[in-house]
């Protein structure tokens, strides 16, 4: 997945916003809370994708080659896909969608309703 494909996918999720910060990282938010990041942090010049995940997914993913606890965010159960051989793009998209849902569910009920995420 390229950064442009990542941005296009994240933009397709409900009530998302994007900012570029932290050294040109593409940071995606729902309700002002981050759910996914594309960056070039760390070694190498290729793009890396970080996202929030469930406790179970976190435990499983960090055992996979090419997926590490996300720098600065691991304590909150974030992982980082280091390269495109560690996880197919379709799986990455599914995890990003799940990250969006996890973060959206933590928003206040009022904000969820205001954003069109709840009835």
PDB file of N, CA and C in Angstrom:
ATOM      1  N   UNK A   1       0.849  -1.178   0.000  1.00  0.00           N
ATOM      2  CA  UNK A   1       0.000   0.000   0.000  1.00  0.00           C
ATOM      3  C   UNK A   1       0.895   1.241   0.000  1.00  0.00           C
ATOM      4  N   UNK A   2       0.543   2.178  -0.824  1.00  0.00           N
ATOM      5  CA  UNK A   2       1.268   3.447  -0.849  1.00  0.00           C
ATOM      6  C   UNK A   2       0.597   4.424   0.119  1.00  0.00           C
ATOM      7  N   UNK A   3       1.267   5.518   0.358  1.00  0.00           N
ATOM      8  CA  UNK A   3       0.676   6.550   1.221  1.00  0.00           C
ATOM      9  C   UNK A   3      -0.614   7.088   0.606  1.00  0.00           C
ATOM     10  N   UNK A   4      -0.616   7.300  -0.699  1.00  0.00           N
ATOM     11  CA  UNK A   4      -1.827   7.798  -1.360  1.00  0.00           C
ATOM     12  C   UNK A   4      -2.986   6.812  -1.208  1.00  0.00           C
ATOM     13  N   UNK A   5      -2.709   5.511  -1.356  1.00  0.00           N
ATOM     14  CA  UNK A   5      -3.747   4.497  -1.182  1.00  0.00           C
ATOM     15  C   UNK A   5      -4.239   4.473   0.272  1.00  0.00           C
ATOM     16  N   UNK A   6      -3.311   4.605   1.205  1.00  0.00           N
ATOM     17  CA  UNK A   6      -3.652   4.683   2.622  1.00  0.00           C
ATOM     18  C   UNK A   6      -4.568   5.874   2.879  1.00  0.00           C
ATOM     19  N   UNK A   7      -4.183   7.038   2.369  1.00  0.00           N
ATOM     20  CA  UNK A   7      -4.989   8.246   2.569  1.00  0.00           C
ATOM     21  C   UNK A   7      -6.376   8.104   1.945  1.00  0.00           C
ATOM     22  N   UNK A   8      -6.437   7.538   0.768  1.00  0.00           N
ATOM     23  CA  UNK A   8      -7.723   7.342   0.102  1.00  0.00           C
ATOM     24  C   UNK A   8      -8.610   6.406   0.908  1.00  0.00           C
ATOM     25  N   UNK A   9      -8.029   5.333   1.414  1.00  0.00           N
ATOM     26  CA  UNK A   9      -8.813   4.388   2.201  1.00  0.00           C
ATOM     27  C   UNK A   9      -9.306   5.019   3.501  1.00  0.00           C
ATOM     28  N   UNK A  10      -8.407   5.665   4.229  1.00  0.00           N
ATOM     29  CA  UNK A  10      -8.806   6.289   5.495  1.00  0.00           C
ATOM     30  C   UNK A  10      -9.876   7.354   5.278  1.00  0.00           C
ATOM     31  N   UNK A  11      -9.765   8.089   4.178  1.00  0.00           N
ATOM     32  CA  UNK A  11     -10.754   9.126   3.863  1.00  0.00           C
ATOM     33  C   UNK A  11     -12.134   8.521   3.614  1.00  0.00           C
ATOM     34  N   UNK A  12     -12.180   7.267   3.157  1.00  0.00           N
ATOM     35  CA  UNK A  12     -13.457   6.618   2.861  1.00  0.00           C
ATOM     36  C   UNK A  12     -14.206   6.181   4.124  1.00  0.00           C
ATOM     37  N   UNK A  13     -13.535   6.151   5.261  1.00  0.00           N
ATOM     38  CA  UNK A  13     -14.176   5.757   6.514  1.00  0.00           C
ATOM     39  C   UNK A  13     -14.990   6.924   7.056  1.00  0.00           C
ATOM     40  N   UNK A  14     -16.057   6.660   7.796  1.00  0.00           N
ATOM     41  CA  UNK A  14     -16.954   7.729   8.248  1.00  0.00           C
ATOM     42  C   UNK A  14     -16.304   8.723   9.214  1.00  0.00           C
ATOM     43  N   UNK A  15     -16.608   9.991   9.004  1.00  0.00           N
ATOM     44  CA  UNK A  15     -16.273  11.084   9.925  1.00  0.00           C
ATOM     45  C   UNK A  15     -14.776  11.212  10.219  1.00  0.00           C
ATOM     46  N   UNK A  16     -13.946  11.002   9.217  1.00  0.00           N
ATOM     47  CA  UNK A  16     -12.498  11.093   9.428  1.00  0.00           C
ATOM     48  C   UNK A  16     -11.954  12.460   9.043  1.00  0.00           C
ATOM     49  N   UNK A  17     -10.843  12.802   9.668  1.00  0.00           N
ATOM     50  CA  UNK A  17     -10.091  14.008   9.311  1.00  0.00           C
ATOM     51  C   UNK A  17      -8.625  13.625   9.215  1.00  0.00           C
ATOM     52  N   UNK A  18      -7.877  14.425   8.470  1.00  0.00           N
ATOM     53  CA  UNK A  18      -6.458  14.152   8.246  1.00  0.00           C
ATOM     54  C   UNK A  18      -5.639  15.392   8.535  1.00  0.00           C
ATOM     55  N   UNK A  19      -4.508  15.178   9.194  1.00  0.00           N
ATOM     56  CA  UNK A  19      -3.523  16.232   9.382  1.00  0.00           C
ATOM     57  C   UNK A  19      -2.157  15.654   9.042  1.00  0.00           C
ATOM     58  N   UNK A  20      -1.276  16.520   8.605  1.00  0.00           N
ATOM     59  CA  UNK A  20       0.103  16.125   8.368  1.00  0.00           C
ATOM     60  C   UNK A  20       0.924  16.776   9.472  1.00  0.00           C
ATOM     61  N   UNK A  21       1.579  15.945  10.267  1.00  0.00           N
ATOM     62  CA  UNK A  21       2.357  16.441  11.400  1.00  0.00           C
ATOM     63  C   UNK A  21       3.497  15.483  11.686  1.00  0.00           C
ATOM     64  N   UNK A  22       4.278  15.773  12.692  1.00  0.00           N
ATOM     65  CA  UNK A  22       5.377  14.906  13.132  1.00  0.00           C
ATOM     66  C   UNK A  22       6.297  14.506  11.984  1.00  0.00           C
ATOM     67  N   UNK A  23       6.852  15.479  11.305  1.00  0.00           N
ATOM     68  CA  UNK A  23       7.792  15.167  10.233  1.00  0.00           C
ATOM     69  C   UNK A  23       7.142  14.569   9.011  1.00  0.00           C
ATOM     70  N   UNK A  24       6.029  15.124   8.587  1.00  0.00           N
ATOM     71  CA  UNK A  24       5.323  14.740   7.374  1.00  0.00           C
ATOM     72  C   UNK A  24       4.550  13.424   7.486  1.00  0.00           C
ATOM     73  N   UNK A  25       4.181  13.023   8.676  1.00  0.00           N
ATOM     74  CA  UNK A  25       3.338  11.836   8.846  1.00  0.00           C
ATOM     75  C   UNK A  25       1.899  12.187   8.492  1.00  0.00           C
ATOM     76  N   UNK A  26       1.204  11.250   7.839  1.00  0.00           N
ATOM     77  CA  UNK A  26      -0.216  11.410   7.536  1.00  0.00           C
ATOM     78  C   UNK A  26      -0.991  10.786   8.692  1.00  0.00           C
ATOM     79  N   UNK A  27      -1.647  11.640   9.468  1.00  0.00           N
ATOM     80  CA  UNK A  27      -2.314  11.223  10.707  1.00  0.00           C
ATOM     81  C   UNK A  27      -3.819  11.305  10.500  1.00  0.00           C
ATOM     82  N   UNK A  28      -4.498  10.165  10.699  1.00  0.00           N
ATOM     83  CA  UNK A  28      -5.943  10.087  10.505  1.00  0.00           C
ATOM     84  C   UNK A  28      -6.658   9.986  11.832  1.00  0.00           C
ATOM     85  N   UNK A  29      -7.736  10.770  11.943  1.00  0.00           N
ATOM     86  CA  UNK A  29      -8.476  10.874  13.192  1.00  0.00           C
ATOM     87  C   UNK A  29      -9.970  10.693  12.956  1.00  0.00           C
ATOM     88  N   UNK A  30     -10.644  10.264  14.008  1.00  0.00           N
ATOM     89  CA  UNK A  30     -12.104  10.262  14.054  1.00  0.00           C
ATOM     90  C   UNK A  30     -12.465  10.937  15.371  1.00  0.00           C
ATOM     91  N   UNK A  31     -13.289  11.958  15.297  1.00  0.00           N
ATOM     92  CA  UNK A  31     -13.663  12.695  16.499  1.00  0.00           C
ATOM     93  C   UNK A  31     -12.477  13.321  17.205  1.00  0.00           C
ATOM     94  N   UNK A  32     -11.445  13.663  16.454  1.00  0.00           N
ATOM     95  CA  UNK A  32     -10.253  14.285  17.024  1.00  0.00           C
ATOM     96  C   UNK A  32      -9.268  13.316  17.647  1.00  0.00           C
ATOM     97  N   UNK A  33      -9.548  12.003  17.585  1.00  0.00           N
ATOM     98  CA  UNK A  33      -8.681  10.975  18.171  1.00  0.00           C
ATOM     99  C   UNK A  33      -8.028  10.168  17.047  1.00  0.00           C
ATOM    100  N   UNK A  34      -6.743   9.919  17.169  1.00  0.00           N
ATOM    101  CA  UNK A  34      -5.979   9.230  16.130  1.00  0.00           C
ATOM    102  C   UNK A  34      -6.312   7.740  16.096  1.00  0.00           C
ATOM    103  N   UNK A  35      -6.493   7.217  14.861  1.00  0.00           N
ATOM    104  CA  UNK A  35      -6.687   5.776  14.701  1.00  0.00           C
ATOM    105  C   UNK A  35      -5.663   5.141  13.764  1.00  0.00           C
ATOM    106  N   UNK A  36      -4.991   5.923  12.910  1.00  0.00           N
ATOM    107  CA  UNK A  36      -3.998   5.360  11.989  1.00  0.00           C
ATOM    108  C   UNK A  36      -3.011   6.441  11.550  1.00  0.00           C
ATOM    109  N   UNK A  37      -1.776   5.989  11.277  1.00  0.00           N
ATOM    110  CA  UNK A  37      -0.702   6.908  10.885  1.00  0.00           C
ATOM    111  C   UNK A  37       0.138   6.249   9.798  1.00  0.00           C
ATOM    112  N   UNK A  38       0.495   7.030   8.783  1.00  0.00           N
ATOM    113  CA  UNK A  38       1.479   6.606   7.786  1.00  0.00           C
ATOM    114  C   UNK A  38       2.682   7.517   7.940  1.00  0.00           C
ATOM    115  N   UNK A  39       3.846   6.903   8.142  1.00  0.00           N
ATOM    116  CA  UNK A  39       5.041   7.713   8.368  1.00  0.00           C
ATOM    117  C   UNK A  39       6.269   7.030   7.785  1.00  0.00           C
ATOM    118  N   UNK A  40       7.359   7.752   7.812  1.00  0.00           N
ATOM    119  CA  UNK A  40       8.647   7.210   7.437  1.00  0.00           C
ATOM    120  C   UNK A  40       9.569   7.173   8.634  1.00  0.00           C
ATOM    121  N   UNK A  41       8.977   7.060   9.847  1.00  0.00           N
ATOM    122  CA  UNK A  41       9.777   7.033  11.065  1.00  0.00           C
ATOM    123  C   UNK A  41      10.717   5.849  11.071  1.00  0.00           C
ATOM    124  N   UNK A  42      11.814   5.994  11.760  1.00  0.00           N
ATOM    125  CA  UNK A  42      12.733   4.887  11.974  1.00  0.00           C
ATOM    126  C   UNK A  42      13.633   4.642  10.788  1.00  0.00           C
ATOM    127  N   UNK A  43      14.254   3.480  10.796  1.00  0.00           N
ATOM    128  CA  UNK A  43      15.209   3.137   9.752  1.00  0.00           C
ATOM    129  C   UNK A  43      14.501   2.853   8.437  1.00  0.00           C
ATOM    130  N   UNK A  44      15.204   3.147   7.335  1.00  0.00           N
ATOM    131  CA  UNK A  44      14.649   2.890   6.018  1.00  0.00           C
ATOM    132  C   UNK A  44      13.797   4.048   5.541  1.00  0.00           C
ATOM    133  N   UNK A  45      13.621   4.114   4.232  1.00  0.00           N
ATOM    134  CA  UNK A  45      12.876   5.237   3.670  1.00  0.00           C
ATOM    135  C   UNK A  45      11.460   4.851   3.241  1.00  0.00           C
ATOM    136  N   UNK A  46      11.082   3.595   3.401  1.00  0.00           N
ATOM    137  CA  UNK A  46       9.741   3.185   2.981  1.00  0.00           C
ATOM    138  C   UNK A  46       8.694   3.602   4.011  1.00  0.00           C
ATOM    139  N   UNK A  47       7.475   3.625   3.555  1.00  0.00           N
ATOM    140  CA  UNK A  47       6.387   4.059   4.420  1.00  0.00           C
ATOM    141  C   UNK A  47       6.018   2.960   5.407  1.00  0.00           C
ATOM    142  N   UNK A  48       5.675   3.377   6.601  1.00  0.00           N
ATOM    143  CA  UNK A  48       5.264   2.459   7.654  1.00  0.00           C
ATOM    144  C   UNK A  48       3.867   2.867   8.111  1.00  0.00           C
ATOM    145  N   UNK A  49       3.063   1.874   8.430  1.00  0.00           N
ATOM    146  CA  UNK A  49       1.686   2.123   8.814  1.00  0.00           C
ATOM    147  C   UNK A  49       1.475   1.679  10.251  1.00  0.00           C
ATOM    148  N   UNK A  50       0.958   2.579  11.068  1.00  0.00           N
ATOM    149  CA  UNK A  50       0.677   2.288  12.478  1.00  0.00           C
ATOM    150  C   UNK A  50      -0.816   2.432  12.710  1.00  0.00           C
ATOM    151  N   UNK A  51      -1.337   1.575  13.603  1.00  0.00           N
ATOM    152  CA  UNK A  51      -2.762   1.643  13.882  1.00  0.00           C
ATOM    153  C   UNK A  51      -3.060   1.055  15.255  1.00  0.00           C
ATOM    154  N   UNK A  52      -4.157   1.518  15.826  1.00  0.00           N
ATOM    155  CA  UNK A  52      -4.674   1.031  17.092  1.00  0.00           C
ATOM    156  C   UNK A  52      -5.275  -0.350  16.859  1.00  0.00           C
ATOM    157  N   UNK A  53      -5.135  -1.255  17.835  1.00  0.00           N
ATOM    158  CA  UNK A  53      -5.776  -2.554  17.685  1.00  0.00           C
ATOM    159  C   UNK A  53      -6.272  -3.072  19.032  1.00  0.00           C
ATOM    160  N   UNK A  54      -7.055  -4.111  18.965  1.00  0.00           N
ATOM    161  CA  UNK A  54      -7.575  -4.729  20.187  1.00  0.00           C
ATOM    162  C   UNK A  54      -6.426  -5.409  20.928  1.00  0.00           C
ATOM    163  N   UNK A  55      -6.657  -5.741  22.176  1.00  0.00           N
ATOM    164  CA  UNK A  55      -5.633  -6.434  22.963  1.00  0.00           C
ATOM    165  C   UNK A  55      -5.225  -7.750  22.300  1.00  0.00           C
ATOM    166  N   UNK A  56      -6.206  -8.518  21.832  1.00  0.00           N
ATOM    167  CA  UNK A  56      -5.917  -9.802  21.203  1.00  0.00           C
ATOM    168  C   UNK A  56      -5.135  -9.612  19.903  1.00  0.00           C
ATOM    169  N   UNK A  57      -5.584  -8.701  19.053  1.00  0.00           N
ATOM    170  CA  UNK A  57      -4.870  -8.448  17.802  1.00  0.00           C
ATOM    171  C   UNK A  57      -3.445  -7.985  18.061  1.00  0.00           C
ATOM    172  N   UNK A  58      -3.276  -7.124  19.058  1.00  0.00           N
ATOM    173  CA  UNK A  58      -1.943  -6.646  19.414  1.00  0.00           C
ATOM    174  C   UNK A  58      -1.045  -7.829  19.773  1.00  0.00           C
ATOM    175  N   UNK A  59      -1.528  -8.705  20.623  1.00  0.00           N
ATOM    176  CA  UNK A  59      -0.738  -9.862  21.057  1.00  0.00           C
ATOM    177  C   UNK A  59      -0.336 -10.748  19.880  1.00  0.00           C
ATOM    178  N   UNK A  60      -1.255 -10.952  18.955  1.00  0.00           N
ATOM    179  CA  UNK A  60      -0.975 -11.794  17.788  1.00  0.00           C
ATOM    180  C   UNK A  60      -0.066 -11.103  16.775  1.00  0.00           C
ATOM    181  N   UNK A  61      -0.347  -9.838  16.495  1.00  0.00           N
ATOM    182  CA  UNK A  61       0.396  -9.133  15.447  1.00  0.00           C
ATOM    183  C   UNK A  61       1.865  -8.914  15.792  1.00  0.00           C
ATOM    184  N   UNK A  62       2.176  -8.624  17.044  1.00  0.00           N
ATOM    185  CA  UNK A  62       3.581  -8.355  17.383  1.00  0.00           C
ATOM    186  C   UNK A  62       4.441  -9.619  17.318  1.00  0.00           C
ATOM    187  N   UNK A  63       3.811 -10.776  17.167  1.00  0.00           N
ATOM    188  CA  UNK A  63       4.554 -12.017  16.982  1.00  0.00           C
ATOM    189  C   UNK A  63       4.849 -12.286  15.511  1.00  0.00           C
ATOM    190  N   UNK A  64       4.273 -11.492  14.641  1.00  0.00           N
ATOM    191  CA  UNK A  64       4.401 -11.659  13.200  1.00  0.00           C
ATOM    192  C   UNK A  64       5.648 -10.923  12.714  1.00  0.00           C
ATOM    193  N   UNK A  65       6.411 -11.540  11.830  1.00  0.00           N
ATOM    194  CA  UNK A  65       7.571 -10.871  11.249  1.00  0.00           C
ATOM    195  C   UNK A  65       7.125  -9.616  10.509  1.00  0.00           C
ATOM    196  N   UNK A  66       7.839  -8.527  10.716  1.00  0.00           N
ATOM    197  CA  UNK A  66       7.547  -7.284  10.021  1.00  0.00           C
ATOM    198  C   UNK A  66       6.510  -6.409  10.688  1.00  0.00           C
ATOM    199  N   UNK A  67       6.008  -6.841  11.841  1.00  0.00           N
ATOM    200  CA  UNK A  67       5.065  -6.032  12.608  1.00  0.00           C
ATOM    201  C   UNK A  67       5.653  -5.862  14.004  1.00  0.00           C
ATOM    202  N   UNK A  68       5.740  -4.610  14.445  1.00  0.00           N
ATOM    203  CA  UNK A  68       6.346  -4.324  15.750  1.00  0.00           C
ATOM    204  C   UNK A  68       5.396  -3.477  16.599  1.00  0.00           C
ATOM    205  N   UNK A  69       5.626  -3.446  17.912  1.00  0.00           N
ATOM    206  CA  UNK A  69       4.896  -2.469  18.719  1.00  0.00           C
ATOM    207  C   UNK A  69       5.227  -1.065  18.190  1.00  0.00           C
ATOM    208  N   UNK A  70       4.225  -0.256  17.987  1.00  0.00           N
ATOM    209  CA  UNK A  70       4.443   1.063  17.393  1.00  0.00           C
ATOM    210  C   UNK A  70       5.261   1.956  18.329  1.00  0.00           C
ATOM    211  N   UNK A  71       6.298   2.606  17.792  1.00  0.00           N
ATOM    212  CA  UNK A  71       7.080   3.524  18.626  1.00  0.00           C
ATOM    213  C   UNK A  71       6.180   4.586  19.264  1.00  0.00           C
ATOM    214  N   UNK A  72       6.388   4.809  20.538  1.00  0.00           N
ATOM    215  CA  UNK A  72       5.675   5.812  21.330  1.00  0.00           C
ATOM    216  C   UNK A  72       4.214   5.473  21.617  1.00  0.00           C
ATOM    217  N   UNK A  73       3.645   4.480  20.943  1.00  0.00           N
ATOM    218  CA  UNK A  73       2.221   4.183  21.084  1.00  0.00           C
ATOM    219  C   UNK A  73       1.927   2.755  21.527  1.00  0.00           C
ATOM    220  N   UNK A  74       2.951   1.954  21.712  1.00  0.00           N
ATOM    221  CA  UNK A  74       2.754   0.538  22.029  1.00  0.00           C
ATOM    222  C   UNK A  74       1.972   0.335  23.319  1.00  0.00           C
ATOM    223  N   UNK A  75       2.197   1.193  24.310  1.00  0.00           N
ATOM    224  CA  UNK A  75       1.497   1.019  25.592  1.00  0.00           C
ATOM    225  C   UNK A  75      -0.011   1.148  25.431  1.00  0.00           C
ATOM    226  N   UNK A  76      -0.451   1.795  24.351  1.00  0.00           N
ATOM    227  CA  UNK A  76      -1.882   1.940  24.073  1.00  0.00           C
ATOM    228  C   UNK A  76      -2.363   0.902  23.052  1.00  0.00           C
ATOM    229  N   UNK A  77      -1.556  -0.149  22.861  1.00  0.00           N
ATOM    230  CA  UNK A  77      -1.889  -1.256  21.949  1.00  0.00           C
ATOM    231  C   UNK A  77      -1.954  -0.819  20.484  1.00  0.00           C
ATOM    232  N   UNK A  78      -0.902  -0.160  20.070  1.00  0.00           N
ATOM    233  CA  UNK A  78      -0.714   0.184  18.670  1.00  0.00           C
ATOM    234  C   UNK A  78       0.402  -0.675  18.102  1.00  0.00           C
ATOM    235  N   UNK A  79       0.268  -1.049  16.817  1.00  0.00           N
ATOM    236  CA  UNK A  79       1.330  -1.767  16.120  1.00  0.00           C
ATOM    237  C   UNK A  79       1.746  -0.983  14.886  1.00  0.00           C
ATOM    238  N   UNK A  80       2.899  -1.354  14.353  1.00  0.00           N
ATOM    239  CA  UNK A  80       3.405  -0.710  13.133  1.00  0.00           C
ATOM    240  C   UNK A  80       3.801  -1.794  12.146  1.00  0.00           C
ATOM    241  N   UNK A  81       3.242  -1.727  10.946  1.00  0.00           N
ATOM    242  CA  UNK A  81       3.657  -2.631   9.866  1.00  0.00           C
ATOM    243  C   UNK A  81       4.907  -2.036   9.248  1.00  0.00           C
ATOM    244  N   UNK A  82       5.998  -2.778   9.329  1.00  0.00           N
ATOM    245  CA  UNK A  82       7.300  -2.292   8.903  1.00  0.00           C
ATOM    246  C   UNK A  82       7.519  -2.353   7.396  1.00  0.00           C
ATOM    247  N   UNK A  83       6.912  -3.316   6.738  1.00  0.00           N
ATOM    248  CA  UNK A  83       7.107  -3.452   5.298  1.00  0.00           C
ATOM    249  C   UNK A  83       5.895  -4.131   4.679  1.00  0.00           C
ATOM    250  N   UNK A  84       5.815  -4.081   3.364  1.00  0.00           N
ATOM    251  CA  UNK A  84       4.611  -4.593   2.704  1.00  0.00           C
ATOM    252  C   UNK A  84       4.594  -6.110   2.544  1.00  0.00           C
ATOM    253  N   UNK A  85       5.642  -6.803   2.999  1.00  0.00           N
ATOM    254  CA  UNK A  85       5.637  -8.263   2.921  1.00  0.00           C
ATOM    255  C   UNK A  85       5.073  -8.900   4.188  1.00  0.00           C
ATOM    256  N   UNK A  86       4.892  -8.116   5.238  1.00  0.00           N
ATOM    257  CA  UNK A  86       4.463  -8.675   6.518  1.00  0.00           C
ATOM    258  C   UNK A  86       2.954  -8.853   6.639  1.00  0.00           C
ATOM    259  N   UNK A  87       2.201  -8.165   5.806  1.00  0.00           N
ATOM    260  CA  UNK A  87       0.744  -8.219   5.915  1.00  0.00           C
ATOM    261  C   UNK A  87       0.155  -7.762   4.582  1.00  0.00           C
ATOM    262  N   UNK A  88      -0.740  -8.556   4.001  1.00  0.00           N
ATOM    263  CA  UNK A  88      -1.370  -8.126   2.745  1.00  0.00           C
ATOM    264  C   UNK A  88      -2.154  -6.816   2.947  1.00  0.00           C
ATOM    265  N   UNK A  89      -2.257  -6.041   1.899  1.00  0.00           N
ATOM    266  CA  UNK A  89      -2.969  -4.766   1.976  1.00  0.00           C
ATOM    267  C   UNK A  89      -4.417  -4.934   2.416  1.00  0.00           C
ATOM    268  N   UNK A  90      -5.077  -6.003   1.997  1.00  0.00           N
ATOM    269  CA  UNK A  90      -6.470  -6.217   2.411  1.00  0.00           C
ATOM    270  C   UNK A  90      -6.564  -6.414   3.917  1.00  0.00           C
ATOM    271  N   UNK A  91      -5.597  -7.129   4.489  1.00  0.00           N
ATOM    272  CA  UNK A  91      -5.574  -7.303   5.947  1.00  0.00           C
ATOM    273  C   UNK A  91      -5.302  -5.969   6.636  1.00  0.00           C
ATOM    274  N   UNK A  92      -4.364  -5.202   6.074  1.00  0.00           N
ATOM    275  CA  UNK A  92      -4.063  -3.884   6.638  1.00  0.00           C
ATOM    276  C   UNK A  92      -5.313  -3.011   6.639  1.00  0.00           C
ATOM    277  N   UNK A  93      -6.050  -3.012   5.549  1.00  0.00           N
ATOM    278  CA  UNK A  93      -7.286  -2.231   5.485  1.00  0.00           C
ATOM    279  C   UNK A  93      -8.286  -2.685   6.541  1.00  0.00           C
ATOM    280  N   UNK A  94      -8.399  -3.983   6.742  1.00  0.00           N
ATOM    281  CA  UNK A  94      -9.334  -4.510   7.753  1.00  0.00           C
ATOM    282  C   UNK A  94      -8.911  -4.058   9.152  1.00  0.00           C
ATOM    283  N   UNK A  95      -7.613  -4.065   9.431  1.00  0.00           N
ATOM    284  CA  UNK A  95      -7.139  -3.605  10.739  1.00  0.00           C
ATOM    285  C   UNK A  95      -7.337  -2.099  10.909  1.00  0.00           C
ATOM    286  N   UNK A  96      -7.165  -1.338   9.834  1.00  0.00           N
ATOM    287  CA  UNK A  96      -7.398   0.109   9.909  1.00  0.00           C
ATOM    288  C   UNK A  96      -8.878   0.395  10.158  1.00  0.00           C
ATOM    289  N   UNK A  97      -9.740  -0.342   9.493  1.00  0.00           N
ATOM    290  CA  UNK A  97     -11.185  -0.170   9.732  1.00  0.00           C
ATOM    291  C   UNK A  97     -11.526  -0.525  11.179  1.00  0.00           C
ATOM    292  N   UNK A  98     -10.941  -1.602  11.690  1.00  0.00           N
ATOM    293  CA  UNK A  98     -11.168  -1.985  13.086  1.00  0.00           C
ATOM    294  C   UNK A  98     -10.644  -0.906  14.032  1.00  0.00           C
ATOM    295  N   UNK A  99      -9.494  -0.312  13.706  1.00  0.00           N
ATOM    296  CA  UNK A  99      -8.932   0.772  14.526  1.00  0.00           C
ATOM    297  C   UNK A  99      -9.889   1.947  14.571  1.00  0.00           C
ATOM    298  N   UNK A 100     -10.455   2.286  13.433  1.00  0.00           N
ATOM    299  CA  UNK A 100     -11.435   3.367  13.349  1.00  0.00           C
ATOM    300  C   UNK A 100     -12.610   3.076  14.276  1.00  0.00           C
ATOM    301  N   UNK A 101     -13.111   1.846  14.239  1.00  0.00           N
ATOM    302  CA  UNK A 101     -14.255   1.465  15.077  1.00  0.00           C
ATOM    303  C   UNK A 101     -13.897   1.502  16.563  1.00  0.00           C
ATOM    304  N   UNK A 102     -12.702   1.038  16.908  1.00  0.00           N
ATOM    305  CA  UNK A 102     -12.265   1.045  18.310  1.00  0.00           C
ATOM    306  C   UNK A 102     -12.238   2.474  18.849  1.00  0.00           C
ATOM    307  N   UNK A 103     -11.638   3.367  18.090  1.00  0.00           N
ATOM    308  CA  UNK A 103     -11.521   4.762  18.534  1.00  0.00           C
ATOM    309  C   UNK A 103     -12.886   5.440  18.534  1.00  0.00           C
ATOM    310  N   UNK A 104     -13.689   5.214  17.501  1.00  0.00           N
ATOM    311  CA  UNK A 104     -15.023   5.825  17.444  1.00  0.00           C
ATOM    312  C   UNK A 104     -15.876   5.382  18.631  1.00  0.00           C
ATOM    313  N   UNK A 105     -15.748   4.139  19.047  1.00  0.00           N
ATOM    314  CA  UNK A 105     -16.536   3.626  20.168  1.00  0.00           C
ATOM    315  C   UNK A 105     -16.160   4.283  21.489  1.00  0.00           C
ATOM    316  N   UNK A 106     -14.965   4.857  21.571  1.00  0.00           N
ATOM    317  CA  UNK A 106     -14.517   5.522  22.794  1.00  0.00           C
ATOM    318  C   UNK A 106     -14.967   6.976  22.879  1.00  0.00           C
ATOM    319  N   UNK A 107     -15.512   7.494  21.797  1.00  0.00           N
ATOM    320  CA  UNK A 107     -16.004   8.870  21.801  1.00  0.00           C
ATOM    321  C   UNK A 107     -17.282   8.950  22.627  1.00  0.00           C
ATOM    322  N   UNK A 108     -17.608  10.135  23.093  1.00  0.00           N
ATOM    323  CA  UNK A 108     -18.856  10.300  23.831  1.00  0.00           C
ATOM    324  C   UNK A 108     -20.028   9.971  22.909  1.00  0.00           C
ATOM    325  N   UNK A 109     -21.121   9.556  23.507  1.00  0.00           N
ATOM    326  CA  UNK A 109     -22.324   9.232  22.723  1.00  0.00           C
ATOM    327  C   UNK A 109     -22.802  10.449  21.938  1.00  0.00           C
ATOM    328  N   UNK A 110     -22.707  11.616  22.552  1.00  0.00           N
ATOM    329  CA  UNK A 110     -23.113  12.843  21.874  1.00  0.00           C
ATOM    330  C   UNK A 110     -22.252  13.090  20.643  1.00  0.00           C
ATOM    331  N   UNK A 111     -20.931  12.957  20.790  1.00  0.00           N
ATOM    332  CA  UNK A 111     -20.034  13.182  19.665  1.00  0.00           C
ATOM    333  C   UNK A 111     -20.252  12.125  18.584  1.00  0.00           C
ATOM    334  N   UNK A 112     -20.461  10.880  18.992  1.00  0.00           N
ATOM    335  CA  UNK A 112     -20.757   9.840  18.005  1.00  0.00           C
ATOM    336  C   UNK A 112     -21.994  10.215  17.189  1.00  0.00           C
ATOM    337  N   UNK A 113     -23.025  10.700  17.881  1.00  0.00           N
ATOM    338  CA  UNK A 113     -24.257  11.096  17.190  1.00  0.00           C
ATOM    339  C   UNK A 113     -24.005  12.301  16.297  1.00  0.00           C
ATOM    340  N   UNK A 114     -23.289  13.312  16.793  1.00  0.00           N
ATOM    341  CA  UNK A 114     -22.985  14.505  16.012  1.00  0.00           C
ATOM    342  C   UNK A 114     -22.205  14.172  14.735  1.00  0.00           C
ATOM    343  N   UNK A 115     -21.353  13.150  14.811  1.00  0.00           N
ATOM    344  CA  UNK A 115     -20.537  12.749  13.658  1.00  0.00           C
ATOM    345  C   UNK A 115     -21.256  11.769  12.733  1.00  0.00           C
ATOM    346  N   UNK A 116     -22.467  11.388  13.114  1.00  0.00           N
ATOM    347  CA  UNK A 116     -23.218  10.441  12.300  1.00  0.00           C
ATOM    348  C   UNK A 116     -22.762   9.001  12.466  1.00  0.00           C
ATOM    349  N   UNK A 117     -22.114   8.724  13.593  1.00  0.00           N
ATOM    350  CA  UNK A 117     -21.603   7.377  13.854  1.00  0.00           C
ATOM    351  C   UNK A 117     -22.562   6.535  14.686  1.00  0.00           C
ATOM    352  N   UNK A 118     -23.598   7.177  15.216  1.00  0.00           N
ATOM    353  CA  UNK A 118     -24.591   6.470  16.048  1.00  0.00           C
ATOM    354  C   UNK A 118     -25.947   7.131  15.845  1.00  0.00           C
ATOM    355  N   UNK A 119     -26.982   6.394  16.179  1.00  0.00           N
ATOM    356  CA  UNK A 119     -28.354   6.919  16.044  1.00  0.00           C
ATOM    357  C   UNK A 119     -28.735   7.750  17.245  1.00  0.00           C
TER     358      UNK A 119
END
